[in-house]
Amino acid sequence: MDSNIIALMIGISTFLGALGLVALLWGLKTGQFDDPKRFLDGAHHDNIEDLQDAALMEAKRKEAKKKREKNYRPPD
């Protein structure tokens, strides 16, 4: 291979690597990766009824937690 082609390939691959790094840093800075459950919950709940059921279950879970905390007595 010609040395010009090798230099061109190294330059292009370095540019593409730097572009990927900039995109990753931009995603981290803007908070694209902050909520890992958002994507998983969206995949699990495909329709409105499932989302409403999930919201109802979450409300029940929070209510039960408050009830446990309210009735909690430390051991003697």
N, C-alpha and C. Protein backbone atom coordinates (compact mmCIF):
# COMPACT_ATOMS: atom_id res chain seq x y z
N MET A 1 0.83 -1.19 0.00
CA MET A 1 0.00 0.00 0.00
C MET A 1 0.87 1.24 0.00
N ASP A 2 0.31 2.25 -0.53
CA ASP A 2 0.98 3.53 -0.60
C ASP A 2 0.91 4.21 0.77
N SER A 3 1.96 4.91 1.13
CA SER A 3 1.99 5.57 2.44
C SER A 3 0.93 6.68 2.54
N ASN A 4 0.56 7.27 1.41
CA ASN A 4 -0.49 8.30 1.45
C ASN A 4 -1.84 7.71 1.85
N ILE A 5 -2.11 6.53 1.36
CA ILE A 5 -3.39 5.87 1.69
C ILE A 5 -3.42 5.49 3.16
N ILE A 6 -2.31 4.99 3.68
CA ILE A 6 -2.25 4.63 5.10
C ILE A 6 -2.43 5.87 5.96
N ALA A 7 -1.78 6.96 5.60
CA ALA A 7 -1.94 8.21 6.35
C ALA A 7 -3.38 8.70 6.29
N LEU A 8 -4.02 8.59 5.13
CA LEU A 8 -5.41 8.99 4.99
C LEU A 8 -6.32 8.12 5.86
N MET A 9 -6.08 6.80 5.87
CA MET A 9 -6.89 5.91 6.69
C MET A 9 -6.71 6.19 8.19
N ILE A 10 -5.50 6.46 8.62
CA ILE A 10 -5.25 6.80 10.02
C ILE A 10 -5.92 8.11 10.37
N GLY A 11 -5.85 9.09 9.50
CA GLY A 11 -6.48 10.37 9.75
C GLY A 11 -8.00 10.26 9.84
N ILE A 12 -8.60 9.52 8.93
CA ILE A 12 -10.06 9.36 8.95
C ILE A 12 -10.51 8.58 10.18
N SER A 13 -9.79 7.51 10.54
CA SER A 13 -10.18 6.73 11.72
C SER A 13 -10.00 7.54 13.00
N THR A 14 -8.98 8.38 13.07
CA THR A 14 -8.80 9.25 14.23
C THR A 14 -9.93 10.26 14.31
N PHE A 15 -10.32 10.83 13.18
CA PHE A 15 -11.42 11.78 13.15
C PHE A 15 -12.73 11.13 13.59
N LEU A 16 -13.01 9.93 13.10
CA LEU A 16 -14.24 9.23 13.48
C LEU A 16 -14.24 8.86 14.97
N GLY A 17 -13.08 8.45 15.48
CA GLY A 17 -12.97 8.15 16.91
C GLY A 17 -13.19 9.38 17.77
N ALA A 18 -12.61 10.50 17.36
CA ALA A 18 -12.81 11.75 18.10
C ALA A 18 -14.27 12.19 18.03
N LEU A 19 -14.91 11.99 16.88
CA LEU A 19 -16.33 12.34 16.73
C LEU A 19 -17.19 11.49 17.67
N GLY A 20 -16.89 10.21 17.78
CA GLY A 20 -17.62 9.34 18.70
C GLY A 20 -17.41 9.75 20.14
N LEU A 21 -16.19 10.13 20.50
CA LEU A 21 -15.90 10.59 21.87
C LEU A 21 -16.65 11.87 22.18
N VAL A 22 -16.69 12.79 21.24
CA VAL A 22 -17.43 14.05 21.44
C VAL A 22 -18.92 13.75 21.62
N ALA A 23 -19.46 12.83 20.84
CA ALA A 23 -20.87 12.47 20.97
C ALA A 23 -21.15 11.84 22.33
N LEU A 24 -20.27 10.99 22.81
CA LEU A 24 -20.43 10.38 24.13
C LEU A 24 -20.38 11.44 25.23
N LEU A 25 -19.42 12.33 25.17
CA LEU A 25 -19.31 13.38 26.18
C LEU A 25 -20.52 14.31 26.14
N TRP A 26 -21.02 14.61 24.96
CA TRP A 26 -22.23 15.43 24.84
C TRP A 26 -23.42 14.73 25.48
N GLY A 27 -23.56 13.43 25.24
CA GLY A 27 -24.65 12.67 25.83
C GLY A 27 -24.56 12.64 27.35
N LEU A 28 -23.36 12.50 27.88
CA LEU A 28 -23.19 12.52 29.33
C LEU A 28 -23.51 13.89 29.91
N LYS A 29 -23.08 14.93 29.23
CA LYS A 29 -23.30 16.30 29.73
C LYS A 29 -24.77 16.68 29.71
N THR A 30 -25.53 16.24 28.72
CA THR A 30 -26.93 16.61 28.62
C THR A 30 -27.86 15.66 29.35
N GLY A 31 -27.30 14.64 30.01
CA GLY A 31 -28.12 13.75 30.82
C GLY A 31 -28.86 12.68 30.05
N GLN A 32 -28.33 12.25 28.93
CA GLN A 32 -28.98 11.23 28.13
C GLN A 32 -28.98 9.87 28.81
N PHE A 33 -28.04 9.64 29.73
CA PHE A 33 -27.88 8.33 30.35
C PHE A 33 -28.25 8.34 31.83
N ASP A 34 -29.00 9.34 32.29
CA ASP A 34 -29.29 9.48 33.71
C ASP A 34 -30.34 8.52 34.23
N ASP A 35 -31.31 8.13 33.43
CA ASP A 35 -32.42 7.32 33.90
C ASP A 35 -32.46 5.98 33.18
N PRO A 36 -31.80 4.97 33.73
CA PRO A 36 -31.78 3.70 33.03
C PRO A 36 -33.12 2.98 33.04
N LYS A 37 -33.99 3.26 34.01
CA LYS A 37 -35.28 2.57 34.08
C LYS A 37 -36.27 3.11 33.05
N ARG A 38 -36.06 4.32 32.56
CA ARG A 38 -37.00 4.91 31.61
C ARG A 38 -37.10 4.05 30.35
N PHE A 39 -35.99 3.62 29.82
CA PHE A 39 -36.02 2.81 28.61
C PHE A 39 -36.62 1.44 28.88
N LEU A 40 -36.24 0.82 29.99
CA LEU A 40 -36.76 -0.51 30.31
C LEU A 40 -38.25 -0.48 30.59
N ASP A 41 -38.72 0.53 31.31
CA ASP A 41 -40.14 0.63 31.60
C ASP A 41 -40.93 0.88 30.32
N GLY A 42 -40.39 1.64 29.40
CA GLY A 42 -41.07 1.87 28.13
C GLY A 42 -41.19 0.60 27.31
N ALA A 43 -40.22 -0.27 27.42
CA ALA A 43 -40.28 -1.52 26.68
C ALA A 43 -41.25 -2.51 27.33
N HIS A 44 -41.38 -2.46 28.65
CA HIS A 44 -42.27 -3.39 29.35
C HIS A 44 -43.74 -3.03 29.19
N HIS A 45 -44.04 -1.75 29.11
CA HIS A 45 -45.43 -1.30 29.10
C HIS A 45 -45.77 -0.75 27.72
N ASP A 46 -46.42 -1.58 26.93
CA ASP A 46 -46.68 -1.19 25.55
C ASP A 46 -47.97 -0.40 25.37
N ASN A 47 -48.96 -0.61 26.22
CA ASN A 47 -50.23 0.07 26.00
C ASN A 47 -50.63 0.87 27.24
N ILE A 48 -51.71 1.61 27.12
CA ILE A 48 -52.16 2.52 28.18
C ILE A 48 -52.57 1.75 29.43
N GLU A 49 -53.25 0.62 29.26
CA GLU A 49 -53.72 -0.14 30.41
C GLU A 49 -52.54 -0.65 31.26
N ASP A 50 -51.49 -1.11 30.60
CA ASP A 50 -50.32 -1.58 31.33
C ASP A 50 -49.66 -0.43 32.09
N LEU A 51 -49.58 0.74 31.47
CA LEU A 51 -49.00 1.89 32.15
C LEU A 51 -49.84 2.31 33.35
N GLN A 52 -51.16 2.28 33.21
CA GLN A 52 -52.03 2.62 34.32
C GLN A 52 -51.90 1.60 35.45
N ASP A 53 -51.81 0.32 35.09
CA ASP A 53 -51.61 -0.71 36.10
C ASP A 53 -50.29 -0.52 36.84
N ALA A 54 -49.25 -0.18 36.10
CA ALA A 54 -47.95 0.04 36.72
C ALA A 54 -47.99 1.24 37.65
N ALA A 55 -48.68 2.31 37.25
CA ALA A 55 -48.80 3.49 38.11
C ALA A 55 -49.60 3.16 39.36
N LEU A 56 -50.65 2.37 39.23
CA LEU A 56 -51.46 1.97 40.37
C LEU A 56 -50.65 1.10 41.33
N MET A 57 -49.87 0.17 40.79
CA MET A 57 -49.03 -0.67 41.64
C MET A 57 -47.97 0.14 42.36
N GLU A 58 -47.41 1.13 41.69
CA GLU A 58 -46.41 2.00 42.33
C GLU A 58 -47.04 2.81 43.45
N ALA A 59 -48.25 3.32 43.22
CA ALA A 59 -48.95 4.07 44.27
C ALA A 59 -49.26 3.18 45.47
N LYS A 60 -49.69 1.95 45.21
CA LYS A 60 -49.95 1.00 46.31
C LYS A 60 -48.68 0.69 47.08
N ARG A 61 -47.58 0.54 46.37
CA ARG A 61 -46.30 0.26 47.01
C ARG A 61 -45.89 1.41 47.92
N LYS A 62 -46.06 2.63 47.44
CA LYS A 62 -45.70 3.80 48.26
C LYS A 62 -46.62 3.91 49.47
N GLU A 63 -47.90 3.64 49.28
CA GLU A 63 -48.85 3.70 50.39
C GLU A 63 -48.52 2.64 51.44
N ALA A 64 -48.18 1.44 51.02
CA ALA A 64 -47.82 0.38 51.96
C ALA A 64 -46.54 0.74 52.71
N LYS A 65 -45.61 1.37 52.04
CA LYS A 65 -44.37 1.78 52.69
C LYS A 65 -44.65 2.84 53.75
N LYS A 66 -45.50 3.81 53.44
CA LYS A 66 -45.87 4.84 54.42
C LYS A 66 -46.58 4.21 55.61
N LYS A 67 -47.44 3.24 55.35
CA LYS A 67 -48.18 2.58 56.41
C LYS A 67 -47.23 1.81 57.33
N ARG A 68 -46.26 1.13 56.76
CA ARG A 68 -45.27 0.41 57.56
C ARG A 68 -44.46 1.37 58.41
N GLU A 69 -44.07 2.51 57.81
CA GLU A 69 -43.28 3.49 58.56
C GLU A 69 -44.09 4.11 59.68
N LYS A 70 -45.38 4.30 59.45
CA LYS A 70 -46.25 4.90 60.45
C LYS A 70 -46.43 3.97 61.65
N ASN A 71 -46.57 2.67 61.40
CA ASN A 71 -46.82 1.70 62.46
C ASN A 71 -45.53 1.08 63.00
N TYR A 72 -44.41 1.57 62.62
CA TYR A 72 -43.14 0.98 63.05
C TYR A 72 -42.87 1.34 64.49
N ARG A 73 -42.51 0.31 65.25
CA ARG A 73 -42.08 0.52 66.64
C ARG A 73 -40.75 -0.18 66.81
N PRO A 74 -39.77 0.52 67.33
CA PRO A 74 -38.47 -0.13 67.50
C PRO A 74 -38.54 -1.23 68.57
N PRO A 75 -37.72 -2.24 68.47
CA PRO A 75 -37.74 -3.31 69.47
C PRO A 75 -37.31 -2.80 70.84
N ASP A 76 -37.85 -3.44 71.87
CA ASP A 76 -37.52 -3.03 73.25
C ASP A 76 -36.17 -3.51 73.67
